[in-house]
């Protein structure tokens, strides 16, 4: 599983990345966490509001910080 946090490195982006790390750890799953901070790549994916979260290339959350519970549900679903 590949989990990507898309954002420019702002405080909200960092908080989302921490929440993703916690969700992966809580679930005990193997997942590759990638932080995408290139604004051109972010925009090419159709993301207009950061932070954003993509799982296996599919955009799941955009423009807000998802909490650990929600991320766990996204990773399991």
C-alpha atoms as a PDB file:
ATOM      1  CA  UNK A   1       0.000   0.000   0.000  1.00  0.00           C
ATOM      2  CA  UNK A   2       1.263   3.461  -0.872  1.00  0.00           C
ATOM      3  CA  UNK A   3      -0.002   6.378   1.203  1.00  0.00           C
ATOM      4  CA  UNK A   4       0.833   9.896   0.053  1.00  0.00           C
ATOM      5  CA  UNK A   5       0.532  13.155   1.938  1.00  0.00           C
ATOM      6  CA  UNK A   6       0.371  16.016  -0.537  1.00  0.00           C
ATOM      7  CA  UNK A   7       1.311  19.431   0.800  1.00  0.00           C
ATOM      8  CA  UNK A   8       3.994  22.067   0.856  1.00  0.00           C
ATOM      9  CA  UNK A   9       5.216  21.350   4.375  1.00  0.00           C
ATOM     10  CA  UNK A  10       2.919  23.654   6.332  1.00  0.00           C
ATOM     11  CA  UNK A  11       1.867  22.874   9.902  1.00  0.00           C
ATOM     12  CA  UNK A  12      -1.393  21.265   8.732  1.00  0.00           C
ATOM     13  CA  UNK A  13       0.500  19.072   6.252  1.00  0.00           C
ATOM     14  CA  UNK A  14       2.859  17.925   8.993  1.00  0.00           C
ATOM     15  CA  UNK A  15      -0.079  17.185  11.306  1.00  0.00           C
ATOM     16  CA  UNK A  16      -1.729  15.057   8.599  1.00  0.00           C
ATOM     17  CA  UNK A  17       1.538  13.150   8.073  1.00  0.00           C
ATOM     18  CA  UNK A  18       1.767  12.460  11.830  1.00  0.00           C
ATOM     19  CA  UNK A  19      -1.832  11.226  11.853  1.00  0.00           C
ATOM     20  CA  UNK A  20      -1.097   8.912   8.916  1.00  0.00           C
ATOM     21  CA  UNK A  21       1.974   7.521  10.686  1.00  0.00           C
ATOM     22  CA  UNK A  22      -0.102   6.892  13.824  1.00  0.00           C
ATOM     23  CA  UNK A  23      -2.875   5.168  11.841  1.00  0.00           C
ATOM     24  CA  UNK A  24      -0.408   2.879  10.058  1.00  0.00           C
ATOM     25  CA  UNK A  25       1.248   1.998  13.370  1.00  0.00           C
ATOM     26  CA  UNK A  26      -2.098   1.390  15.140  1.00  0.00           C
ATOM     27  CA  UNK A  27      -3.281  -0.923  12.353  1.00  0.00           C
ATOM     28  CA  UNK A  28       0.039  -2.756  12.212  1.00  0.00           C
ATOM     29  CA  UNK A  29       0.024  -2.746   8.421  1.00  0.00           C
ATOM     30  CA  UNK A  30       2.821  -2.377   5.927  1.00  0.00           C
ATOM     31  CA  UNK A  31       2.491   0.849   4.010  1.00  0.00           C
ATOM     32  CA  UNK A  32       4.872   3.168   2.244  1.00  0.00           C
ATOM     33  CA  UNK A  33       4.376   6.776   3.374  1.00  0.00           C
ATOM     34  CA  UNK A  34       5.427   9.332   0.778  1.00  0.00           C
ATOM     35  CA  UNK A  35       5.361  13.095   1.273  1.00  0.00           C
ATOM     36  CA  UNK A  36       4.729  14.975  -1.965  1.00  0.00           C
ATOM     37  CA  UNK A  37       5.727  18.629  -1.623  1.00  0.00           C
ATOM     38  CA  UNK A  38       6.205  19.639  -5.258  1.00  0.00           C
ATOM     39  CA  UNK A  39       3.415  22.136  -5.941  1.00  0.00           C
ATOM     40  CA  UNK A  40       3.356  21.329  -9.666  1.00  0.00           C
ATOM     41  CA  UNK A  41       2.841  17.623  -9.002  1.00  0.00           C
ATOM     42  CA  UNK A  42       0.168  18.413  -6.413  1.00  0.00           C
ATOM     43  CA  UNK A  43      -1.718  20.613  -8.886  1.00  0.00           C
ATOM     44  CA  UNK A  44      -1.285  18.049 -11.688  1.00  0.00           C
ATOM     45  CA  UNK A  45      -3.221  15.623  -9.510  1.00  0.00           C
ATOM     46  CA  UNK A  46      -6.112  18.057  -9.300  1.00  0.00           C
ATOM     47  CA  UNK A  47      -5.510  19.072  -5.693  1.00  0.00           C
ATOM     48  CA  UNK A  48      -6.388  22.712  -5.139  1.00  0.00           C
ATOM     49  CA  UNK A  49      -6.433  22.679  -1.328  1.00  0.00           C
ATOM     50  CA  UNK A  50      -3.746  21.130   0.842  1.00  0.00           C
ATOM     51  CA  UNK A  51      -3.127  19.062   2.781  1.00  0.00           C
ATOM     52  CA  UNK A  52      -4.388  16.088   0.816  1.00  0.00           C
ATOM     53  CA  UNK A  53      -4.203  12.344   1.299  1.00  0.00           C
ATOM     54  CA  UNK A  54      -4.010   9.712  -1.434  1.00  0.00           C
ATOM     55  CA  UNK A  55      -4.075   5.945  -0.963  1.00  0.00           C
ATOM     56  CA  UNK A  56      -2.718   3.835  -3.820  1.00  0.00           C
ATOM     57  CA  UNK A  57      -3.030   6.822  -6.146  1.00  0.00           C
ATOM     58  CA  UNK A  58      -6.658   7.592  -5.257  1.00  0.00           C
ATOM     59  CA  UNK A  59      -7.360  10.959  -3.625  1.00  0.00           C
ATOM     60  CA  UNK A  60      -9.208  10.415  -0.345  1.00  0.00           C
ATOM     61  CA  UNK A  61      -9.011  13.726   1.539  1.00  0.00           C
ATOM     62  CA  UNK A  62      -8.281  17.264   0.373  1.00  0.00           C
ATOM     63  CA  UNK A  63      -8.163  20.627   2.115  1.00  0.00           C
ATOM     64  CA  UNK A  64      -8.290  19.395   5.697  1.00  0.00           C
ATOM     65  CA  UNK A  65      -6.472  17.330   8.293  1.00  0.00           C
ATOM     66  CA  UNK A  66      -8.103  13.927   8.700  1.00  0.00           C
ATOM     67  CA  UNK A  67      -7.935  12.479  12.195  1.00  0.00           C
ATOM     68  CA  UNK A  68      -6.343   9.120  12.996  1.00  0.00           C
ATOM     69  CA  UNK A  69      -9.714   7.335  13.227  1.00  0.00           C
ATOM     70  CA  UNK A  70     -10.794   8.489   9.765  1.00  0.00           C
ATOM     71  CA  UNK A  71      -7.420   7.576   8.240  1.00  0.00           C
ATOM     72  CA  UNK A  72      -7.616   4.097   9.760  1.00  0.00           C
ATOM     73  CA  UNK A  73     -11.044   3.629   8.165  1.00  0.00           C
ATOM     74  CA  UNK A  74      -9.692   4.792   4.787  1.00  0.00           C
ATOM     75  CA  UNK A  75      -6.737   2.418   4.996  1.00  0.00           C
ATOM     76  CA  UNK A  76      -8.897  -0.541   5.936  1.00  0.00           C
ATOM     77  CA  UNK A  77     -11.588   0.193   3.328  1.00  0.00           C
END
